Protein backbone atom coordinates (compact mmCIF):
# COMPACT_ATOMS: atom_id res chain seq x y z
CA MET A 1 -29.15 9.97 15.93
CA PRO A 2 -25.49 8.65 15.66
CA LYS A 3 -25.20 5.32 13.98
CA SER A 4 -24.19 2.31 15.96
CA PRO A 5 -21.00 0.37 15.17
CA ALA A 6 -23.16 -2.43 13.90
CA ALA A 7 -24.94 -0.03 11.53
CA ARG A 8 -21.63 1.52 10.38
CA ALA A 9 -20.29 -1.91 9.76
CA ALA A 10 -23.37 -2.93 7.88
CA LYS A 11 -23.08 0.05 5.70
CA SER A 12 -19.47 -0.54 4.92
CA THR A 13 -20.47 -4.01 3.55
CA THR A 14 -23.50 -2.63 1.70
CA ASP A 15 -21.25 -0.04 -0.02
CA LEU A 16 -19.31 -2.97 -1.58
CA THR A 17 -22.36 -4.47 -3.03
CA ALA A 18 -22.45 -1.84 -5.80
CA ASP A 19 -20.83 -2.61 -9.13
CA PRO A 20 -17.12 -2.97 -8.47
CA GLY A 21 -16.20 -1.19 -11.74
CA ALA A 22 -13.49 -1.86 -14.03
CA ARG A 23 -10.12 -3.29 -13.00
CA LEU A 24 -7.72 -0.41 -12.37
CA SER A 25 -4.62 -0.73 -14.58
CA SER A 26 -2.78 1.59 -12.37
CA LEU A 27 -2.99 -0.84 -9.31
CA ASP A 28 -1.44 -3.70 -11.14
CA ALA A 29 1.20 -1.46 -12.75
CA LEU A 30 2.13 0.08 -9.36
CA ARG A 31 2.40 -3.09 -7.64
CA GLY A 32 4.57 -4.38 -10.62
CA PHE A 33 6.74 -1.14 -10.54
CA VAL A 34 7.71 -1.68 -6.82
CA MET A 35 8.21 -5.44 -7.37
CA PHE A 36 10.59 -4.65 -10.36
CA TRP A 37 13.18 -3.20 -8.21
CA ILE A 38 13.42 -6.31 -5.93
CA LEU A 39 13.58 -8.62 -9.01
CA GLY A 40 16.96 -7.12 -9.93
CA GLY A 41 16.02 -3.63 -11.09
CA ASP A 42 17.80 -2.20 -7.95
CA GLN A 43 21.10 -3.09 -9.59
CA ILE A 44 20.58 -0.88 -12.56
CA PHE A 45 21.40 2.64 -11.16
CA PRO A 46 24.29 1.55 -9.01
CA GLN A 47 25.90 -0.29 -11.98
CA LEU A 48 25.30 2.61 -14.22
CA ASP A 49 26.90 4.95 -11.75
CA LYS A 50 30.02 2.90 -11.70
CA VAL A 51 30.53 2.96 -15.48
CA TRP A 52 29.01 6.36 -16.43
CA HIS A 53 28.94 8.54 -13.38
CA SER A 54 26.77 11.69 -13.64
CA ALA A 55 25.01 13.99 -11.22
CA LEU A 56 21.78 12.15 -11.91
CA SER A 57 23.15 8.55 -11.49
CA GLY A 58 25.00 9.80 -8.37
CA LEU A 59 21.74 10.94 -7.01
CA LEU A 60 19.81 7.86 -7.78
CA ALA A 61 22.26 5.10 -6.92
CA PRO A 62 22.02 5.60 -3.15
CA GLN A 63 18.22 5.37 -3.47
CA PHE A 64 18.56 1.61 -4.02
CA ASP A 65 20.02 0.41 -0.80
CA HIS A 66 18.19 0.40 2.55
CA VAL A 67 19.17 3.08 5.07
CA PRO A 68 21.13 1.53 7.91
CA TRP A 69 18.73 2.67 10.66
CA HIS A 70 16.71 5.83 10.85
CA GLY A 71 15.70 7.58 7.69
CA LEU A 72 14.01 6.88 4.35
CA VAL A 73 15.08 6.32 0.75
CA PHE A 74 13.14 5.03 -2.24
CA TYR A 75 14.17 1.39 -1.67
CA ASP A 76 12.53 1.48 1.75
CA LEU A 77 9.11 2.27 0.14
CA ILE A 78 9.04 -0.95 -2.01
CA PHE A 79 7.59 -3.29 0.63
CA PRO A 80 5.05 -0.88 2.11
CA THR A 81 3.86 0.33 -1.29
CA PHE A 82 3.13 -3.33 -2.17
CA MET A 83 1.11 -3.77 0.87
CA PHE A 84 -0.61 -0.48 0.32
CA ALA A 85 -1.63 -1.69 -3.22
CA ALA A 86 -3.00 -4.88 -1.63
CA GLY A 87 -5.26 -2.68 0.56
CA ALA A 88 -6.33 -0.47 -2.41
CA SER A 89 -7.41 -3.63 -4.26
CA MET A 90 -9.67 -4.76 -1.38
CA PRO A 91 -12.71 -2.40 -2.21
CA TYR A 92 -12.63 -3.69 -5.76
CA ALA A 93 -12.21 -7.48 -4.90
CA PHE A 94 -14.75 -7.43 -2.10
CA ALA A 95 -17.27 -5.64 -4.29
CA LYS A 96 -16.79 -8.22 -6.97
CA HIS A 97 -17.29 -10.93 -4.34
CA PHE A 98 -20.65 -9.47 -3.20
CA GLN A 99 -21.62 -8.72 -6.85
CA SER A 100 -21.43 -12.41 -7.66
CA GLY A 101 -23.95 -13.08 -5.05
CA LYS A 102 -21.71 -14.57 -2.30
CA SER A 103 -22.31 -13.80 1.28
CA LYS A 104 -20.28 -11.94 3.95
CA ALA A 105 -19.45 -15.32 5.73
CA GLN A 106 -17.92 -16.65 2.53
CA LEU A 107 -15.78 -13.50 2.27
CA TYR A 108 -14.63 -14.18 5.87
CA ALA A 109 -13.62 -17.73 4.89
CA LYS A 110 -11.90 -16.34 1.77
CA VAL A 111 -9.91 -13.75 3.62
CA ILE A 112 -8.86 -16.04 6.48
CA LYS A 113 -7.88 -18.64 4.00
CA ARG A 114 -5.85 -16.26 1.85
CA GLY A 115 -4.00 -14.63 4.76
CA LEU A 116 -3.04 -18.01 6.14
CA ALA A 117 -1.98 -19.27 2.73
CA ILE A 118 0.32 -16.22 2.27
CA ILE A 119 1.92 -16.93 5.66
CA ALA A 120 2.40 -20.61 4.69
CA PHE A 121 4.05 -19.51 1.45
CA GLY A 122 6.33 -17.33 3.43
CA LEU A 123 7.47 -20.23 5.52
CA VAL A 124 8.07 -22.44 2.40
CA PHE A 125 10.01 -19.48 0.97
CA ASN A 126 12.13 -19.44 4.17
CA GLY A 127 12.94 -23.02 3.77
CA LEU A 128 10.27 -25.15 5.63
CA LEU A 129 10.47 -27.87 3.09
CA GLN A 130 14.18 -28.19 3.29
CA PHE A 131 13.66 -30.00 6.69
CA GLU A 132 16.83 -28.63 8.34
CA GLY A 133 15.15 -28.30 11.69
CA LEU A 134 12.78 -25.77 13.14
CA GLU A 135 15.69 -24.04 14.94
CA HIS A 136 17.05 -23.05 11.49
CA LEU A 137 13.76 -21.83 10.07
CA ARG A 138 13.18 -18.15 9.92
CA TRP A 139 9.53 -17.84 11.22
CA LEU A 140 9.14 -14.26 10.20
CA GLY A 141 9.52 -12.71 6.82
CA VAL A 142 8.09 -10.50 4.00
CA LEU A 143 5.21 -12.90 3.08
CA GLN A 144 4.39 -13.59 6.64
CA ARG A 145 3.96 -9.88 7.20
CA ILE A 146 1.87 -9.50 4.01
CA GLY A 147 -0.37 -12.43 5.11
CA PHE A 148 -0.72 -11.00 8.69
CA ALA A 149 -1.47 -7.31 7.61
CA TYR A 150 -3.74 -8.60 4.85
CA LEU A 151 -5.73 -10.72 7.25
CA PHE A 152 -6.30 -8.19 9.97
CA GLY A 153 -6.59 -5.38 7.52
CA ALA A 154 -9.23 -7.02 5.56
CA LEU A 155 -11.14 -7.93 8.84
CA ILE A 156 -11.02 -4.16 9.98
CA PHE A 157 -12.12 -2.96 6.57
CA MET A 158 -15.11 -5.34 6.30
CA ASN A 159 -16.51 -4.06 9.65
CA THR A 160 -15.68 -0.36 9.68
CA GLY A 161 -16.71 2.77 7.78
CA VAL A 162 -14.18 5.49 6.79
CA LYS A 163 -14.30 7.22 10.21
CA SER A 164 -14.02 4.13 12.29
CA ARG A 165 -11.17 2.90 10.11
CA LEU A 166 -9.36 6.21 10.60
CA ALA A 167 -9.83 5.85 14.38
CA ALA A 168 -8.50 2.25 14.09
CA VAL A 169 -5.39 3.54 12.25
CA ALA A 170 -4.88 6.19 14.97
CA VAL A 171 -5.19 3.65 17.70
CA ILE A 172 -2.79 1.28 16.19
CA LEU A 173 -0.12 3.93 15.47
CA LEU A 174 -0.37 5.64 18.86
CA SER A 175 -0.42 2.37 20.84
CA TYR A 176 2.76 1.17 19.05
CA TRP A 177 4.41 4.48 19.83
CA GLY A 178 3.44 4.13 23.42
CA VAL A 179 4.54 0.64 23.75
CA MET A 180 8.02 1.28 22.06
CA MET A 181 8.69 4.29 24.20
CA LEU A 182 7.29 3.33 27.53
CA VAL A 183 8.02 -0.35 28.05
CA PRO A 184 11.68 -0.80 29.48
CA VAL A 185 14.11 -3.10 27.85
CA PRO A 186 16.49 -4.80 30.28
CA GLY A 187 19.81 -3.04 30.45
CA PHE A 188 18.59 -0.18 28.28
CA GLY A 189 15.39 1.24 29.90
CA PRO A 190 12.32 2.63 28.20
CA GLY A 191 12.42 4.68 24.86
CA ASN A 192 15.63 3.35 23.53
CA LEU A 193 15.40 3.15 19.75
CA SER A 194 18.97 2.05 19.03
CA PRO A 195 19.57 -1.28 17.08
CA GLU A 196 20.52 -3.02 20.20
CA GLY A 197 18.27 -1.35 22.71
CA ASN A 198 14.86 -1.25 21.12
CA LEU A 199 11.92 -3.12 22.34
CA ALA A 200 11.00 -4.90 19.11
CA GLY A 201 14.45 -6.26 18.77
CA TYR A 202 14.56 -7.38 22.39
CA ILE A 203 11.15 -9.32 21.92
CA ASP A 204 12.51 -10.87 18.68
CA ARG A 205 15.61 -12.15 20.51
CA LEU A 206 13.67 -13.35 23.36
CA TRP A 207 11.04 -15.24 21.39
CA LEU A 208 13.27 -16.47 18.51
CA ARG A 209 15.87 -17.61 21.12
CA GLY A 210 18.86 -17.56 18.70
CA GLY A 211 16.85 -18.50 15.49
CA PRO A 212 17.43 -16.81 12.13
CA MET A 213 16.57 -13.21 11.95
CA CYS A 214 16.91 -10.50 9.23
CA CYS A 215 18.06 -7.80 8.54
CA TYR A 216 19.87 -6.29 11.37
CA GLU A 217 21.99 -7.97 14.02
CA PHE A 218 19.82 -7.44 17.19
CA GLY A 219 16.35 -8.27 15.72
CA ASP A 220 14.27 -8.95 12.62
CA ASN A 221 12.94 -6.23 10.39
CA GLU A 222 9.76 -8.17 10.03
CA GLY A 223 9.71 -8.67 13.75
CA PHE A 224 6.81 -9.79 16.03
CA ILE A 225 5.47 -6.49 17.40
CA SER A 226 6.28 -4.40 14.32
CA ASN A 227 3.69 -6.44 12.49
CA TRP A 228 1.07 -4.40 14.42
CA PRO A 229 1.70 -1.02 12.66
CA ALA A 230 2.16 -2.80 9.24
CA ILE A 231 -1.65 -3.38 9.43
CA THR A 232 -2.18 0.37 8.96
CA THR A 233 -0.07 0.27 5.68
CA VAL A 234 -2.85 -1.98 4.23
CA LEU A 235 -5.64 0.06 5.75
CA PHE A 236 -4.18 3.26 4.17
CA GLY A 237 -4.41 1.46 0.80
CA THR A 238 -8.21 0.83 1.53
CA PHE A 239 -8.82 4.63 1.76
CA ALA A 240 -7.24 4.92 -1.74
CA GLY A 241 -9.20 2.12 -3.07
CA VAL A 242 -12.63 3.39 -1.60
CA TRP A 243 -11.83 7.00 -3.01
CA LEU A 244 -11.06 5.61 -6.43
CA ARG A 245 -14.47 3.75 -6.37
CA SER A 246 -16.32 6.95 -5.63
CA GLY A 247 -18.41 8.94 -8.04
CA LYS A 248 -15.71 11.60 -8.35
CA LYS A 249 -14.23 12.46 -11.95
CA GLY A 250 -10.94 11.15 -12.87
CA TRP A 251 -8.78 14.20 -12.27
CA GLY A 252 -10.71 14.85 -9.03
CA LYS A 253 -9.76 11.34 -7.86
CA ALA A 254 -6.07 11.95 -8.70
CA LEU A 255 -6.09 15.24 -6.82
CA GLY A 256 -7.76 13.57 -3.85
CA LEU A 257 -4.88 10.99 -3.83
CA VAL A 258 -2.32 13.80 -3.89
CA GLY A 259 -4.17 15.45 -0.94
CA MET A 260 -4.06 12.31 1.03
CA GLY A 261 -0.39 11.70 0.23
CA LEU A 262 0.62 15.20 1.35
CA ALA A 263 -1.44 14.84 4.57
CA ALA A 264 0.19 11.50 5.38
CA LEU A 265 3.71 12.78 4.56
CA SER A 266 3.19 15.84 6.76
CA LEU A 267 2.02 13.86 9.78
CA GLY A 268 4.89 11.28 9.33
CA TYR A 269 7.72 13.92 9.10
CA ALA A 270 6.08 16.12 11.80
CA TRP A 271 6.16 13.06 14.24
CA ASN A 272 9.76 12.15 13.20
CA PRO A 273 11.62 14.11 15.77
CA TRP A 274 9.86 12.23 18.62
CA PHE A 275 9.60 8.75 16.94
CA PRO A 276 11.99 8.45 14.11
CA ILE A 277 11.12 7.17 10.70
CA ASN A 278 12.55 3.64 10.73
CA LYS A 279 11.70 0.80 8.33
CA ASN A 280 13.41 -1.87 10.46
CA LEU A 281 11.08 -1.02 13.31
CA TRP A 282 8.14 -0.02 11.04
CA THR A 283 7.65 2.95 13.28
CA SER A 284 4.43 4.93 13.09
CA PRO A 285 5.94 7.91 11.31
CA PHE A 286 7.43 5.36 8.80
CA ALA A 287 3.99 3.90 8.09
CA LEU A 288 2.65 7.46 7.55
CA ALA A 289 5.45 8.59 5.48
CA ALA A 290 5.48 5.36 3.42
CA ALA A 291 1.69 5.69 2.93
CA GLY A 292 2.22 9.26 1.81
CA TRP A 293 4.62 8.34 -0.99
CA SER A 294 2.34 5.47 -1.95
CA PHE A 295 -0.64 7.72 -2.32
CA LEU A 296 1.46 10.07 -4.56
CA MET A 297 2.80 7.21 -6.69
CA LEU A 298 -0.69 5.85 -7.20
CA ALA A 299 -1.82 9.36 -8.20
CA VAL A 300 0.86 9.39 -10.91
CA PHE A 301 0.04 5.99 -12.11
CA TYR A 302 -3.78 6.52 -12.01
CA SER A 303 -3.40 9.79 -13.80
CA LEU A 304 -1.33 8.45 -16.64
CA MET A 305 -3.07 5.15 -17.14
CA ASP A 306 -6.73 5.34 -15.98
CA VAL A 307 -7.33 9.08 -16.74
CA GLN A 308 -5.18 9.67 -19.71
CA GLY A 309 -5.35 6.06 -21.01
CA TRP A 310 -1.55 5.80 -21.51
CA LYS A 311 -1.01 2.15 -20.61
CA ARG A 312 1.59 0.69 -23.06
CA TRP A 313 4.54 2.22 -21.27
CA ALA A 314 3.75 0.24 -18.17
CA PHE A 315 3.06 -3.18 -19.72
CA ALA A 316 6.15 -4.83 -18.15
CA PHE A 317 5.17 -3.50 -14.77
CA THR A 318 1.61 -4.80 -15.31
CA LEU A 319 2.93 -8.26 -16.11
CA ILE A 320 4.88 -8.33 -12.80
CA GLY A 321 1.95 -6.88 -10.79
CA MET A 322 -0.64 -9.46 -12.12
CA ASN A 323 1.62 -12.33 -11.12
CA SER A 324 3.63 -10.73 -8.21
CA ILE A 325 3.63 -13.73 -5.79
CA THR A 326 4.34 -16.13 -8.78
CA ILE A 327 7.58 -14.35 -9.67
CA TYR A 328 8.60 -13.62 -5.99
CA MET A 329 8.46 -17.28 -5.27
CA GLY A 330 9.54 -18.35 -8.70
CA GLN A 331 12.90 -16.54 -8.66
CA GLN A 332 13.86 -18.83 -5.63
CA ILE A 333 13.16 -22.06 -7.83
CA ILE A 334 14.12 -20.93 -11.36
CA ASP A 335 17.69 -19.72 -12.00
CA PHE A 336 16.74 -16.54 -14.13
CA GLY A 337 20.28 -15.31 -14.10
CA HIS A 338 21.42 -18.46 -15.86
CA ILE A 339 18.70 -18.21 -18.45
CA GLY A 340 19.56 -14.62 -19.10
CA ASP A 341 23.23 -15.39 -19.40
CA PHE A 342 22.34 -17.96 -22.07
CA PHE A 343 21.38 -15.10 -24.30
CA VAL A 344 23.55 -12.23 -23.29
CA LYS A 345 26.84 -13.70 -21.85
CA GLY A 346 28.59 -13.20 -25.06
CA ALA A 347 27.55 -9.73 -25.46
CA ALA A 348 28.36 -8.99 -21.84
CA ALA A 349 31.92 -10.36 -22.24
CA HIS A 350 32.45 -7.84 -25.13
CA ALA A 351 30.77 -4.97 -23.30
CA GLY A 352 33.72 -4.22 -20.98
CA ALA A 353 32.76 -2.17 -17.98
CA TRP A 354 29.15 -2.39 -19.12
CA GLY A 355 29.09 -6.11 -18.82
CA ASP A 356 27.22 -6.32 -15.37
CA LEU A 357 24.61 -4.03 -16.72
CA VAL A 358 23.98 -6.20 -19.79
CA ARG A 359 23.77 -9.33 -17.60
CA THR A 360 21.28 -7.58 -15.33
CA ALA A 361 19.25 -6.60 -18.29
CA GLY A 362 19.25 -10.31 -19.44
CA MET A 363 18.05 -11.54 -16.06
CA LEU A 364 15.30 -9.08 -15.89
CA ALA A 365 14.24 -9.88 -19.53
CA ALA A 366 14.17 -13.55 -18.59
CA LYS A 367 11.81 -13.01 -15.60
CA ILE A 368 9.53 -10.56 -17.61
CA GLY A 369 9.56 -13.07 -20.54
CA PHE A 370 8.49 -15.86 -18.17
CA LEU A 371 5.64 -13.64 -16.91
CA TYR A 372 4.57 -12.84 -20.41
CA VAL A 373 4.19 -16.48 -21.22
CA LEU A 374 2.06 -16.95 -18.10
CA TYR A 375 -0.02 -13.90 -19.32
CA ARG A 376 -0.57 -15.29 -22.62
CA GLN A 377 -1.76 -18.56 -21.16
CA LYS A 378 -3.89 -16.71 -18.63
CA LEU A 379 -2.15 -18.44 -15.79
CA PHE A 380 -2.20 -16.50 -12.56
CA LEU A 381 -1.52 -17.52 -8.97
CA ARG A 382 -4.57 -16.69 -6.95
CA LEU A 383 -4.20 -17.35 -3.22
């Protein structure tokens, strides 16, 4: 007899009562790896290409600037991979919660509190405490999207098994496609995916009514309705986390991640001709393609760090990943560039064309040094 939805939901919670297992080094490192580039690492290859151009630097430099509209480069993967890693951590974090004897009601409260706290941090990050007036506040943003997707992704994960969660992903991605292609925009009609004519941008302009938007002229790339498919980015991560907690052997788990990644990439690029891959709109094929690359990156980090045990090479990434929200918020408050210049400004002045690269290295060293001090003191921001 088929299981009822309630029974499947109960099983999904029961599965999490098992021993959560050791913390995966690869998840922290992957989270830190993608954060590294938005902390200033994205300047390295463009600066290197200017002073020492080669075929390799010429190939890598364009990967560190978002595509203007349709398409995908490495820099477009940073945000979704971070959210994917958050989803992959859920099976471990929730299992630890139940292992400590806490109830599902307490987990609901924790999830809701955490999601709302991240959204609140996003508003503070965007200037809420500067009291310049609500009309000058950007209501949307990176942390707001993380908080929203985490909250709803967690609630779905807590109440579904793998098959039901796959169905939820399909419904979300297909419904977003249907809405974006079928609902007409005044003056442009239905199915217009141009910067000025797409439905998501129109809704942003309508609801924000002249308020701040980012990062294209006609809408917000963390806009209202594109938060909907972003939930699936977190859900894709939960599939990885559940798989890594399974009884499979290390290399079997790594190959499974590769298989999931290739499947998601194939679906995303196959869908692309009818619904283009677009980060600003977080289109359904973008969610699939980004998840595909995230699965593959996690497979590499997991293979090297948790299967082979090679962890020292990624220590700096791990420092970032263990305190990612802290450094993301902290760089808005602390002038790490000034701190870095205190140590390397003289060297940069004598480095000629390499000066900018030296100063970038100094700034990154200041940020990682700050995180190392927090790590040594066991200080971590837990929302």
